[in-house]
């Protein structure tokens, strides 16, 4: 199984449980690793035969920008579900961070894996 990845995809959204968080947009950061077979694209150099990381990024940016979540856990589950259901991947590993949520930490968040890895 091959891995196509996206690192530090940053998106502004409404996320948080506090009243003040519901009134502003905050930045979230995503890293994705997606299990797929890159050989068909490598053998033909045909973009239609690969996992298009631009298409994945665009879809997730649109979804996250238009959504509002209380918890990063909920956002992570829904992002993983989109990747698994809408793109040709067998598994996804997602790190979703909320920089600035804890002033003493550079970043906090969750890491989840969904799908069948092998």
C-alpha atoms as a PDB file:
ATOM      1  CA  UNK A   1       0.000   0.000   0.000  1.00  0.00           C
ATOM      2  CA  UNK A   2       1.268   3.426  -0.939  1.00  0.00           C
ATOM      3  CA  UNK A   3       0.668   6.655   0.927  1.00  0.00           C
ATOM      4  CA  UNK A   4      -0.373  10.003  -0.487  1.00  0.00           C
ATOM      5  CA  UNK A   5      -0.038  12.732   2.122  1.00  0.00           C
ATOM      6  CA  UNK A   6      -1.016  16.313   2.818  1.00  0.00           C
ATOM      7  CA  UNK A   7       0.865  18.254   5.508  1.00  0.00           C
ATOM      8  CA  UNK A   8      -0.196  21.332   7.444  1.00  0.00           C
ATOM      9  CA  UNK A   9      -3.408  22.082   5.581  1.00  0.00           C
ATOM     10  CA  UNK A  10      -4.643  25.175   7.418  1.00  0.00           C
ATOM     11  CA  UNK A  11      -8.292  26.196   7.422  1.00  0.00           C
ATOM     12  CA  UNK A  12     -10.282  28.826   9.331  1.00  0.00           C
ATOM     13  CA  UNK A  13     -13.538  27.686  10.922  1.00  0.00           C
ATOM     14  CA  UNK A  14     -15.826  28.035  13.925  1.00  0.00           C
ATOM     15  CA  UNK A  15     -14.758  25.492  16.518  1.00  0.00           C
ATOM     16  CA  UNK A  16     -14.966  25.359  20.280  1.00  0.00           C
ATOM     17  CA  UNK A  17     -17.283  24.952  23.228  1.00  0.00           C
ATOM     18  CA  UNK A  18     -17.026  28.413  24.772  1.00  0.00           C
ATOM     19  CA  UNK A  19     -19.393  31.227  23.809  1.00  0.00           C
ATOM     20  CA  UNK A  20     -16.546  33.446  22.628  1.00  0.00           C
ATOM     21  CA  UNK A  21     -15.296  30.642  20.339  1.00  0.00           C
ATOM     22  CA  UNK A  22     -18.700  30.469  18.660  1.00  0.00           C
ATOM     23  CA  UNK A  23     -18.336  34.132  17.623  1.00  0.00           C
ATOM     24  CA  UNK A  24     -14.940  33.938  15.893  1.00  0.00           C
ATOM     25  CA  UNK A  25     -13.119  31.848  13.316  1.00  0.00           C
ATOM     26  CA  UNK A  26     -10.071  29.899  14.438  1.00  0.00           C
ATOM     27  CA  UNK A  27      -7.363  28.117  12.504  1.00  0.00           C
ATOM     28  CA  UNK A  28      -7.138  24.337  12.454  1.00  0.00           C
ATOM     29  CA  UNK A  29      -4.259  22.368  10.958  1.00  0.00           C
ATOM     30  CA  UNK A  30      -4.527  18.957   9.286  1.00  0.00           C
ATOM     31  CA  UNK A  31      -2.017  16.304   8.303  1.00  0.00           C
ATOM     32  CA  UNK A  32      -3.386  13.398   6.282  1.00  0.00           C
ATOM     33  CA  UNK A  33      -1.879  10.112   5.176  1.00  0.00           C
ATOM     34  CA  UNK A  34      -4.080   8.168   2.765  1.00  0.00           C
ATOM     35  CA  UNK A  35      -3.579   4.578   1.689  1.00  0.00           C
ATOM     36  CA  UNK A  36      -3.880   4.036  -2.049  1.00  0.00           C
ATOM     37  CA  UNK A  37      -2.160   2.325  -4.973  1.00  0.00           C
ATOM     38  CA  UNK A  38      -0.142   4.847  -6.992  1.00  0.00           C
ATOM     39  CA  UNK A  39       1.070   2.333  -9.620  1.00  0.00           C
ATOM     40  CA  UNK A  40      -1.690   2.953 -12.196  1.00  0.00           C
ATOM     41  CA  UNK A  41      -0.861   6.669 -12.221  1.00  0.00           C
ATOM     42  CA  UNK A  42       2.899   6.044 -12.187  1.00  0.00           C
ATOM     43  CA  UNK A  43       2.645   3.655 -15.129  1.00  0.00           C
ATOM     44  CA  UNK A  44       0.539   5.994 -17.274  1.00  0.00           C
ATOM     45  CA  UNK A  45       1.282   9.469 -15.891  1.00  0.00           C
ATOM     46  CA  UNK A  46      -2.488  10.007 -15.931  1.00  0.00           C
ATOM     47  CA  UNK A  47      -3.784  12.285 -13.155  1.00  0.00           C
ATOM     48  CA  UNK A  48      -7.189  10.599 -13.368  1.00  0.00           C
ATOM     49  CA  UNK A  49      -5.596   7.370 -12.128  1.00  0.00           C
ATOM     50  CA  UNK A  50      -4.191   8.782  -8.933  1.00  0.00           C
ATOM     51  CA  UNK A  51      -5.451  10.169  -5.675  1.00  0.00           C
ATOM     52  CA  UNK A  52      -5.538  13.860  -6.470  1.00  0.00           C
ATOM     53  CA  UNK A  53      -4.292  15.614  -3.327  1.00  0.00           C
ATOM     54  CA  UNK A  54      -5.482  18.971  -4.702  1.00  0.00           C
ATOM     55  CA  UNK A  55      -9.026  17.633  -5.023  1.00  0.00           C
ATOM     56  CA  UNK A  56      -8.873  16.199  -1.487  1.00  0.00           C
ATOM     57  CA  UNK A  57      -7.533  19.498  -0.123  1.00  0.00           C
ATOM     58  CA  UNK A  58     -10.153  21.576  -1.929  1.00  0.00           C
ATOM     59  CA  UNK A  59     -12.986  19.352  -0.693  1.00  0.00           C
ATOM     60  CA  UNK A  60     -11.805  19.467   2.916  1.00  0.00           C
ATOM     61  CA  UNK A  61     -11.180  23.227   2.876  1.00  0.00           C
ATOM     62  CA  UNK A  62     -14.702  23.872   1.586  1.00  0.00           C
ATOM     63  CA  UNK A  63     -16.254  21.482   4.108  1.00  0.00           C
ATOM     64  CA  UNK A  64     -14.354  22.830   7.118  1.00  0.00           C
ATOM     65  CA  UNK A  65     -14.833  26.501   6.204  1.00  0.00           C
ATOM     66  CA  UNK A  66     -18.602  25.992   5.903  1.00  0.00           C
ATOM     67  CA  UNK A  67     -18.954  23.900   9.075  1.00  0.00           C
ATOM     68  CA  UNK A  68     -19.143  24.672  12.772  1.00  0.00           C
ATOM     69  CA  UNK A  69     -18.021  22.189  15.424  1.00  0.00           C
ATOM     70  CA  UNK A  70     -17.878  22.109  19.190  1.00  0.00           C
ATOM     71  CA  UNK A  71     -15.112  19.469  19.327  1.00  0.00           C
ATOM     72  CA  UNK A  72     -12.034  18.652  17.229  1.00  0.00           C
ATOM     73  CA  UNK A  73     -13.010  14.987  17.698  1.00  0.00           C
ATOM     74  CA  UNK A  74     -16.247  15.523  15.768  1.00  0.00           C
ATOM     75  CA  UNK A  75     -14.481  17.400  12.988  1.00  0.00           C
ATOM     76  CA  UNK A  76     -11.828  14.674  12.724  1.00  0.00           C
ATOM     77  CA  UNK A  77     -14.435  11.921  12.389  1.00  0.00           C
ATOM     78  CA  UNK A  78     -16.338  13.794   9.688  1.00  0.00           C
ATOM     79  CA  UNK A  79     -13.181  14.674   7.739  1.00  0.00           C
ATOM     80  CA  UNK A  80     -12.033  11.027   7.814  1.00  0.00           C
ATOM     81  CA  UNK A  81     -15.482   9.933   6.647  1.00  0.00           C
ATOM     82  CA  UNK A  82     -15.347  12.307   3.667  1.00  0.00           C
ATOM     83  CA  UNK A  83     -11.912  11.054   2.619  1.00  0.00           C
ATOM     84  CA  UNK A  84     -12.919   7.385   2.910  1.00  0.00           C
ATOM     85  CA  UNK A  85     -16.289   7.776   1.189  1.00  0.00           C
ATOM     86  CA  UNK A  86     -15.445  10.225  -1.585  1.00  0.00           C
ATOM     87  CA  UNK A  87     -11.913   9.284  -2.611  1.00  0.00           C
ATOM     88  CA  UNK A  88     -10.234   6.045  -3.632  1.00  0.00           C
ATOM     89  CA  UNK A  89      -8.473   5.281  -0.356  1.00  0.00           C
ATOM     90  CA  UNK A  90      -8.599   2.210   1.848  1.00  0.00           C
ATOM     91  CA  UNK A  91      -7.502   4.013   5.027  1.00  0.00           C
ATOM     92  CA  UNK A  92      -6.723   7.441   6.364  1.00  0.00           C
ATOM     93  CA  UNK A  93      -4.557   8.669   9.217  1.00  0.00           C
ATOM     94  CA  UNK A  94      -5.508  12.182  10.249  1.00  0.00           C
ATOM     95  CA  UNK A  95      -3.893  14.613  12.673  1.00  0.00           C
ATOM     96  CA  UNK A  96      -6.173  17.524  13.456  1.00  0.00           C
ATOM     97  CA  UNK A  97      -4.652  20.318  15.500  1.00  0.00           C
ATOM     98  CA  UNK A  98      -6.042  23.469  17.069  1.00  0.00           C
ATOM     99  CA  UNK A  99      -3.042  25.786  17.468  1.00  0.00           C
ATOM    100  CA  UNK A 100      -3.451  28.346  20.212  1.00  0.00           C
ATOM    101  CA  UNK A 101      -6.073  26.396  22.172  1.00  0.00           C
ATOM    102  CA  UNK A 102      -3.624  26.005  25.045  1.00  0.00           C
ATOM    103  CA  UNK A 103      -1.409  29.108  25.305  1.00  0.00           C
ATOM    104  CA  UNK A 104       1.559  27.153  26.687  1.00  0.00           C
ATOM    105  CA  UNK A 105       1.451  24.599  23.827  1.00  0.00           C
ATOM    106  CA  UNK A 106       2.231  25.128  20.171  1.00  0.00           C
ATOM    107  CA  UNK A 107      -0.608  22.825  19.146  1.00  0.00           C
ATOM    108  CA  UNK A 108      -3.167  20.408  20.604  1.00  0.00           C
ATOM    109  CA  UNK A 109      -5.529  18.000  18.900  1.00  0.00           C
ATOM    110  CA  UNK A 110      -6.226  14.416  17.950  1.00  0.00           C
ATOM    111  CA  UNK A 111      -4.806  11.726  15.694  1.00  0.00           C
ATOM    112  CA  UNK A 112      -7.176   9.110  14.297  1.00  0.00           C
ATOM    113  CA  UNK A 113      -6.883   6.210  11.874  1.00  0.00           C
ATOM    114  CA  UNK A 114      -9.899   4.898   9.990  1.00  0.00           C
ATOM    115  CA  UNK A 115     -10.372   2.256   7.328  1.00  0.00           C
ATOM    116  CA  UNK A 116      -8.500  -0.954   6.671  1.00  0.00           C
ATOM    117  CA  UNK A 117      -4.799  -0.254   6.777  1.00  0.00           C
ATOM    118  CA  UNK A 118      -3.532  -3.512   5.263  1.00  0.00           C
END
